[in-house]
Amino acid sequence: MGIGTYVQPRPDDPYWPIATATMETTVFDVVHMFSERGISAVPIIDENGIVRNMYETVDVTVGHLSPSIIRYIAHVP
């Protein structure tokens, strides 16, 4: 029927073309995935390929703001 996306698996990345991360993936690498692929979330998978959590752009952005800026944002109506 030709419904869906059909891709050939890659030996180095069985989840390709889906961007994935593990708990060992650096924040820098995840930010690079966001930028390179134009995406806003990356699933965090365990050693069995089960999704355990998600990295989202808001996690990275807010996580690197200074506490004074976070307090300011929290008080803006």
PDB file of N, CA and C in Angstrom:
ATOM      1  N   MET A   1       0.815  -1.198   0.000  1.00  0.00           N
ATOM      2  CA  MET A   1       0.000   0.000   0.000  1.00  0.00           C
ATOM      3  C   MET A   1       0.856   1.259   0.000  1.00  0.00           C
ATOM      4  N   GLY A   2       2.119   1.166   0.401  1.00  0.00           N
ATOM      5  CA  GLY A   2       2.984   2.339   0.393  1.00  0.00           C
ATOM      6  C   GLY A   2       2.670   3.349   1.480  1.00  0.00           C
ATOM      7  N   ILE A   3       2.033   2.909   2.563  1.00  0.00           N
ATOM      8  CA  ILE A   3       1.708   3.821   3.652  1.00  0.00           C
ATOM      9  C   ILE A   3       2.841   3.796   4.675  1.00  0.00           C
ATOM     10  N   GLY A   4       3.258   4.952   5.148  1.00  0.00           N
ATOM     11  CA  GLY A   4       4.308   5.016   6.152  1.00  0.00           C
ATOM     12  C   GLY A   4       5.647   5.369   5.548  1.00  0.00           C
ATOM     13  N   THR A   5       6.660   5.284   6.369  1.00  0.00           N
ATOM     14  CA  THR A   5       8.019   5.584   5.928  1.00  0.00           C
ATOM     15  C   THR A   5       8.824   4.301   5.920  1.00  0.00           C
ATOM     16  N   TYR A   6       9.428   4.035   4.807  1.00  0.00           N
ATOM     17  CA  TYR A   6      10.231   2.825   4.674  1.00  0.00           C
ATOM     18  C   TYR A   6      11.682   3.224   4.454  1.00  0.00           C
ATOM     19  N   VAL A   7      12.544   2.769   5.321  1.00  0.00           N
ATOM     20  CA  VAL A   7      13.960   3.085   5.212  1.00  0.00           C
ATOM     21  C   VAL A   7      14.770   1.817   5.421  1.00  0.00           C
ATOM     22  N   GLN A   8      15.965   1.831   4.916  1.00  0.00           N
ATOM     23  CA  GLN A   8      16.886   0.726   5.149  1.00  0.00           C
ATOM     24  C   GLN A   8      17.597   0.978   6.468  1.00  0.00           C
ATOM     25  N   PRO A   9      17.605  -0.009   7.377  1.00  0.00           N
ATOM     26  CA  PRO A   9      18.307   0.209   8.646  1.00  0.00           C
ATOM     27  C   PRO A   9      19.807   0.389   8.419  1.00  0.00           C
ATOM     28  N   ARG A  10      20.416   1.123   9.307  1.00  0.00           N
ATOM     29  CA  ARG A  10      21.867   1.320   9.266  1.00  0.00           C
ATOM     30  C   ARG A  10      22.495   0.429  10.329  1.00  0.00           C
ATOM     31  N   PRO A  11      23.610  -0.209   9.999  1.00  0.00           N
ATOM     32  CA  PRO A  11      24.242  -1.075  11.004  1.00  0.00           C
ATOM     33  C   PRO A  11      24.709  -0.316  12.247  1.00  0.00           C
ATOM     34  N   ASP A  12      25.056   0.960  12.098  1.00  0.00           N
ATOM     35  CA  ASP A  12      25.552   1.743  13.237  1.00  0.00           C
ATOM     36  C   ASP A  12      24.440   2.421  14.026  1.00  0.00           C
ATOM     37  N   ASP A  13      23.197   2.448  13.495  1.00  0.00           N
ATOM     38  CA  ASP A  13      22.083   3.115  14.172  1.00  0.00           C
ATOM     39  C   ASP A  13      20.775   2.430  13.785  1.00  0.00           C
ATOM     40  N   PRO A  14      20.353   1.434  14.559  1.00  0.00           N
ATOM     41  CA  PRO A  14      19.142   0.691  14.192  1.00  0.00           C
ATOM     42  C   PRO A  14      17.858   1.518  14.260  1.00  0.00           C
ATOM     43  N   TYR A  15      17.894   2.701  14.863  1.00  0.00           N
ATOM     44  CA  TYR A  15      16.697   3.535  14.992  1.00  0.00           C
ATOM     45  C   TYR A  15      16.614   4.619  13.920  1.00  0.00           C
ATOM     46  N   TRP A  16      17.637   4.710  13.070  1.00  0.00           N
ATOM     47  CA  TRP A  16      17.651   5.714  12.010  1.00  0.00           C
ATOM     48  C   TRP A  16      16.403   5.586  11.157  1.00  0.00           C
ATOM     49  N   PRO A  17      15.730   6.667  10.799  1.00  0.00           N
ATOM     50  CA  PRO A  17      16.090   8.076  10.887  1.00  0.00           C
ATOM     51  C   PRO A  17      15.576   8.778  12.150  1.00  0.00           C
ATOM     52  N   ILE A  18      15.110   8.030  13.124  1.00  0.00           N
ATOM     53  CA  ILE A  18      14.628   8.637  14.354  1.00  0.00           C
ATOM     54  C   ILE A  18      15.820   9.037  15.221  1.00  0.00           C
ATOM     55  N   ALA A  19      15.848  10.276  15.655  1.00  0.00           N
ATOM     56  CA  ALA A  19      16.910  10.739  16.553  1.00  0.00           C
ATOM     57  C   ALA A  19      16.649  10.147  17.934  1.00  0.00           C
ATOM     58  N   THR A  20      17.660   9.539  18.531  1.00  0.00           N
ATOM     59  CA  THR A  20      17.527   8.982  19.876  1.00  0.00           C
ATOM     60  C   THR A  20      18.743   9.364  20.702  1.00  0.00           C
ATOM     61  N   ALA A  21      18.581   9.302  22.011  1.00  0.00           N
ATOM     62  CA  ALA A  21      19.676   9.565  22.945  1.00  0.00           C
ATOM     63  C   ALA A  21      19.598   8.522  24.047  1.00  0.00           C
ATOM     64  N   THR A  22      20.679   8.404  24.793  1.00  0.00           N
ATOM     65  CA  THR A  22      20.710   7.561  25.979  1.00  0.00           C
ATOM     66  C   THR A  22      21.032   8.464  27.161  1.00  0.00           C
ATOM     67  N   MET A  23      21.026   7.911  28.345  1.00  0.00           N
ATOM     68  CA  MET A  23      21.381   8.709  29.520  1.00  0.00           C
ATOM     69  C   MET A  23      22.850   9.141  29.465  1.00  0.00           C
ATOM     70  N   GLU A  24      23.638   8.491  28.635  1.00  0.00           N
ATOM     71  CA  GLU A  24      25.054   8.853  28.504  1.00  0.00           C
ATOM     72  C   GLU A  24      25.288   9.911  27.426  1.00  0.00           C
ATOM     73  N   THR A  25      24.277  10.221  26.617  1.00  0.00           N
ATOM     74  CA  THR A  25      24.420  11.229  25.567  1.00  0.00           C
ATOM     75  C   THR A  25      24.591  12.599  26.206  1.00  0.00           C
ATOM     76  N   THR A  26      25.547  13.366  25.724  1.00  0.00           N
ATOM     77  CA  THR A  26      25.783  14.696  26.294  1.00  0.00           C
ATOM     78  C   THR A  26      24.702  15.676  25.847  1.00  0.00           C
ATOM     79  N   VAL A  27      24.479  16.698  26.652  1.00  0.00           N
ATOM     80  CA  VAL A  27      23.530  17.746  26.297  1.00  0.00           C
ATOM     81  C   VAL A  27      23.975  18.418  25.002  1.00  0.00           C
ATOM     82  N   PHE A  28      25.267  18.606  24.839  1.00  0.00           N
ATOM     83  CA  PHE A  28      25.797  19.206  23.613  1.00  0.00           C
ATOM     84  C   PHE A  28      25.363  18.398  22.394  1.00  0.00           C
ATOM     85  N   ASP A  29      25.462  17.075  22.466  1.00  0.00           N
ATOM     86  CA  ASP A  29      25.070  16.226  21.338  1.00  0.00           C
ATOM     87  C   ASP A  29      23.575  16.322  21.053  1.00  0.00           C
ATOM     88  N   VAL A  30      22.764  16.404  22.092  1.00  0.00           N
ATOM     89  CA  VAL A  30      21.316  16.532  21.901  1.00  0.00           C
ATOM     90  C   VAL A  30      20.980  17.880  21.275  1.00  0.00           C
ATOM     91  N   VAL A  31      21.615  18.948  21.732  1.00  0.00           N
ATOM     92  CA  VAL A  31      21.391  20.267  21.152  1.00  0.00           C
ATOM     93  C   VAL A  31      21.780  20.251  19.676  1.00  0.00           C
ATOM     94  N   HIS A  32      22.847  19.557  19.352  1.00  0.00           N
ATOM     95  CA  HIS A  32      23.264  19.429  17.954  1.00  0.00           C
ATOM     96  C   HIS A  32      22.177  18.718  17.139  1.00  0.00           C
ATOM     97  N   MET A  33      21.567  17.667  17.706  1.00  0.00           N
ATOM     98  CA  MET A  33      20.469  16.975  17.015  1.00  0.00           C
ATOM     99  C   MET A  33      19.310  17.932  16.763  1.00  0.00           C
ATOM    100  N   PHE A  34      18.947  18.747  17.781  1.00  0.00           N
ATOM    101  CA  PHE A  34      17.867  19.711  17.615  1.00  0.00           C
ATOM    102  C   PHE A  34      18.154  20.621  16.428  1.00  0.00           C
ATOM    103  N   SER A  35      19.351  21.164  16.393  1.00  0.00           N
ATOM    104  CA  SER A  35      19.731  22.114  15.361  1.00  0.00           C
ATOM    105  C   SER A  35      19.848  21.452  13.991  1.00  0.00           C
ATOM    106  N   GLU A  36      20.559  20.352  13.933  1.00  0.00           N
ATOM    107  CA  GLU A  36      20.829  19.673  12.657  1.00  0.00           C
ATOM    108  C   GLU A  36      19.549  19.142  12.000  1.00  0.00           C
ATOM    109  N   ARG A  37      18.650  18.605  12.808  1.00  0.00           N
ATOM    110  CA  ARG A  37      17.453  17.967  12.257  1.00  0.00           C
ATOM    111  C   ARG A  37      16.208  18.842  12.311  1.00  0.00           C
ATOM    112  N   GLY A  38      16.312  19.997  12.958  1.00  0.00           N
ATOM    113  CA  GLY A  38      15.159  20.885  13.064  1.00  0.00           C
ATOM    114  C   GLY A  38      14.028  20.266  13.874  1.00  0.00           C
ATOM    115  N   ILE A  39      14.397  19.624  14.975  1.00  0.00           N
ATOM    116  CA  ILE A  39      13.408  18.955  15.830  1.00  0.00           C
ATOM    117  C   ILE A  39      13.400  19.600  17.213  1.00  0.00           C
ATOM    118  N   SER A  40      12.374  19.290  18.004  1.00  0.00           N
ATOM    119  CA  SER A  40      12.284  19.909  19.323  1.00  0.00           C
ATOM    120  C   SER A  40      12.273  18.896  20.463  1.00  0.00           C
ATOM    121  N   ALA A  41      12.343  17.599  20.148  1.00  0.00           N
ATOM    122  CA  ALA A  41      12.369  16.577  21.195  1.00  0.00           C
ATOM    123  C   ALA A  41      13.116  15.345  20.693  1.00  0.00           C
ATOM    124  N   VAL A  42      13.798  14.681  21.614  1.00  0.00           N
ATOM    125  CA  VAL A  42      14.553  13.457  21.305  1.00  0.00           C
ATOM    126  C   VAL A  42      14.240  12.439  22.395  1.00  0.00           C
ATOM    127  N   PRO A  43      13.771  11.241  22.008  1.00  0.00           N
ATOM    128  CA  PRO A  43      13.521  10.224  23.031  1.00  0.00           C
ATOM    129  C   PRO A  43      14.814   9.706  23.644  1.00  0.00           C
ATOM    130  N   ILE A  44      14.782   9.476  24.949  1.00  0.00           N
ATOM    131  CA  ILE A  44      15.909   8.860  25.650  1.00  0.00           C
ATOM    132  C   ILE A  44      15.557   7.384  25.805  1.00  0.00           C
ATOM    133  N   ILE A  45      16.386   6.532  25.213  1.00  0.00           N
ATOM    134  CA  ILE A  45      16.101   5.100  25.238  1.00  0.00           C
ATOM    135  C   ILE A  45      17.097   4.363  26.126  1.00  0.00           C
ATOM    136  N   ASP A  46      16.654   3.213  26.645  1.00  0.00           N
ATOM    137  CA  ASP A  46      17.561   2.388  27.445  1.00  0.00           C
ATOM    138  C   ASP A  46      18.279   1.388  26.540  1.00  0.00           C
ATOM    139  N   GLU A  47      19.046   0.487  27.139  1.00  0.00           N
ATOM    140  CA  GLU A  47      19.843  -0.463  26.362  1.00  0.00           C
ATOM    141  C   GLU A  47      18.992  -1.443  25.556  1.00  0.00           C
ATOM    142  N   ASN A  48      17.696  -1.530  25.864  1.00  0.00           N
ATOM    143  CA  ASN A  48      16.785  -2.405  25.113  1.00  0.00           C
ATOM    144  C   ASN A  48      15.957  -1.643  24.083  1.00  0.00           C
ATOM    145  N   GLY A  49      16.223  -0.346  23.944  1.00  0.00           N
ATOM    146  CA  GLY A  49      15.496   0.463  22.984  1.00  0.00           C
ATOM    147  C   GLY A  49      14.151   0.954  23.480  1.00  0.00           C
ATOM    148  N   ILE A  50      13.892   0.836  24.770  1.00  0.00           N
ATOM    149  CA  ILE A  50      12.630   1.293  25.354  1.00  0.00           C
ATOM    150  C   ILE A  50      12.764   2.766  25.738  1.00  0.00           C
ATOM    151  N   VAL A  51      11.775   3.561  25.324  1.00  0.00           N
ATOM    152  CA  VAL A  51      11.800   4.993  25.644  1.00  0.00           C
ATOM    153  C   VAL A  51      11.561   5.162  27.140  1.00  0.00           C
ATOM    154  N   ARG A  52      12.500   5.847  27.798  1.00  0.00           N
ATOM    155  CA  ARG A  52      12.418   6.081  29.239  1.00  0.00           C
ATOM    156  C   ARG A  52      12.105   7.525  29.594  1.00  0.00           C
ATOM    157  N   ASN A  53      12.388   8.446  28.671  1.00  0.00           N
ATOM    158  CA  ASN A  53      12.162   9.864  28.925  1.00  0.00           C
ATOM    159  C   ASN A  53      12.328  10.608  27.612  1.00  0.00           C
ATOM    160  N   MET A  54      12.249  11.933  27.657  1.00  0.00           N
ATOM    161  CA  MET A  54      12.439  12.768  26.472  1.00  0.00           C
ATOM    162  C   MET A  54      13.305  13.972  26.829  1.00  0.00           C
ATOM    163  N   TYR A  55      14.204  14.323  25.914  1.00  0.00           N
ATOM    164  CA  TYR A  55      14.878  15.614  25.981  1.00  0.00           C
ATOM    165  C   TYR A  55      14.042  16.539  25.118  1.00  0.00           C
ATOM    166  N   GLU A  56      13.723  17.712  25.608  1.00  0.00           N
ATOM    167  CA  GLU A  56      12.997  18.699  24.816  1.00  0.00           C
ATOM    168  C   GLU A  56      13.787  19.998  24.814  1.00  0.00           C
ATOM    169  N   THR A  57      13.588  20.804  23.774  1.00  0.00           N
ATOM    170  CA  THR A  57      14.352  22.051  23.684  1.00  0.00           C
ATOM    171  C   THR A  57      14.134  22.913  24.911  1.00  0.00           C
ATOM    172  N   VAL A  58      12.939  22.917  25.465  1.00  0.00           N
ATOM    173  CA  VAL A  58      12.672  23.743  26.650  1.00  0.00           C
ATOM    174  C   VAL A  58      13.502  23.258  27.838  1.00  0.00           C
ATOM    175  N   ASP A  59      13.768  21.954  27.939  1.00  0.00           N
ATOM    176  CA  ASP A  59      14.599  21.433  29.025  1.00  0.00           C
ATOM    177  C   ASP A  59      16.003  22.011  28.952  1.00  0.00           C
ATOM    178  N   VAL A  60      16.531  22.067  27.758  1.00  0.00           N
ATOM    179  CA  VAL A  60      17.900  22.550  27.566  1.00  0.00           C
ATOM    180  C   VAL A  60      17.958  24.052  27.747  1.00  0.00           C
ATOM    181  N   THR A  61      17.000  24.771  27.198  1.00  0.00           N
ATOM    182  CA  THR A  61      16.999  26.228  27.262  1.00  0.00           C
ATOM    183  C   THR A  61      16.850  26.721  28.688  1.00  0.00           C
ATOM    184  N   VAL A  62      15.822  26.274  29.385  1.00  0.00           N
ATOM    185  CA  VAL A  62      15.590  26.735  30.758  1.00  0.00           C
ATOM    186  C   VAL A  62      16.677  26.222  31.688  1.00  0.00           C
ATOM    187  N   GLY A  63      17.179  25.024  31.446  1.00  0.00           N
ATOM    188  CA  GLY A  63      18.194  24.450  32.307  1.00  0.00           C
ATOM    189  C   GLY A  63      19.498  25.210  32.328  1.00  0.00           C
ATOM    190  N   HIS A  64      19.731  26.053  31.335  1.00  0.00           N
ATOM    191  CA  HIS A  64      20.993  26.777  31.266  1.00  0.00           C
ATOM    192  C   HIS A  64      20.851  28.276  31.521  1.00  0.00           C
ATOM    193  N   LEU A  65      19.678  28.694  31.980  1.00  0.00           N
ATOM    194  CA  LEU A  65      19.488  30.103  32.328  1.00  0.00           C
ATOM    195  C   LEU A  65      19.960  30.348  33.748  1.00  0.00           C
ATOM    196  N   SER A  66      20.349  31.563  34.006  1.00  0.00           N
ATOM    197  CA  SER A  66      20.771  31.901  35.360  1.00  0.00           C
ATOM    198  C   SER A  66      19.549  31.922  36.270  1.00  0.00           C
ATOM    199  N   PRO A  67      19.728  31.663  37.552  1.00  0.00           N
ATOM    200  CA  PRO A  67      18.598  31.680  38.493  1.00  0.00           C
ATOM    201  C   PRO A  67      17.840  33.005  38.504  1.00  0.00           C
ATOM    202  N   SER A  68      18.541  34.130  38.326  1.00  0.00           N
ATOM    203  CA  SER A  68      17.849  35.428  38.341  1.00  0.00           C
ATOM    204  C   SER A  68      16.920  35.564  37.138  1.00  0.00           C
ATOM    205  N   ILE A  69      17.309  35.052  35.995  1.00  0.00           N
ATOM    206  CA  ILE A  69      16.450  35.114  34.808  1.00  0.00           C
ATOM    207  C   ILE A  69      15.245  34.193  34.992  1.00  0.00           C
ATOM    208  N   ILE A  70      15.452  33.025  35.559  1.00  0.00           N
ATOM    209  CA  ILE A  70      14.344  32.103  35.810  1.00  0.00           C
ATOM    210  C   ILE A  70      13.333  32.740  36.759  1.00  0.00           C
ATOM    211  N   ARG A  71      13.821  33.415  37.824  1.00  0.00           N
ATOM    212  CA  ARG A  71      12.911  34.105  38.746  1.00  0.00           C
ATOM    213  C   ARG A  71      12.130  35.200  38.019  1.00  0.00           C
ATOM    214  N   TYR A  72      12.806  35.930  37.119  1.00  0.00           N
ATOM    215  CA  TYR A  72      12.146  36.988  36.372  1.00  0.00           C
ATOM    216  C   TYR A  72      11.053  36.403  35.475  1.00  0.00           C
ATOM    217  N   ILE A  73      11.371  35.340  34.747  1.00  0.00           N
ATOM    218  CA  ILE A  73      10.385  34.706  33.856  1.00  0.00           C
ATOM    219  C   ILE A  73       9.186  34.216  34.656  1.00  0.00           C
ATOM    220  N   ALA A  74       9.426  33.647  35.818  1.00  0.00           N
ATOM    221  CA  ALA A  74       8.346  33.113  36.635  1.00  0.00           C
ATOM    222  C   ALA A  74       7.393  34.200  37.125  1.00  0.00           C
ATOM    223  N   HIS A  75       7.853  35.449  37.193  1.00  0.00           N
ATOM    224  CA  HIS A  75       7.005  36.532  37.715  1.00  0.00           C
ATOM    225  C   HIS A  75       6.410  37.402  36.616  1.00  0.00           C
ATOM    226  N   VAL A  76       6.703  37.115  35.377  1.00  0.00           N
ATOM    227  CA  VAL A  76       6.112  37.879  34.285  1.00  0.00           C
ATOM    228  C   VAL A  76       4.699  37.367  34.059  1.00  0.00           C
ATOM    229  N   PRO A  77       3.706  38.275  34.027  1.00  0.00           N
ATOM    230  CA  PRO A  77       2.309  37.819  33.853  1.00  0.00           C
ATOM    231  C   PRO A  77       2.071  37.174  32.507  1.00  0.00           C
TER     232      PRO A  77
END
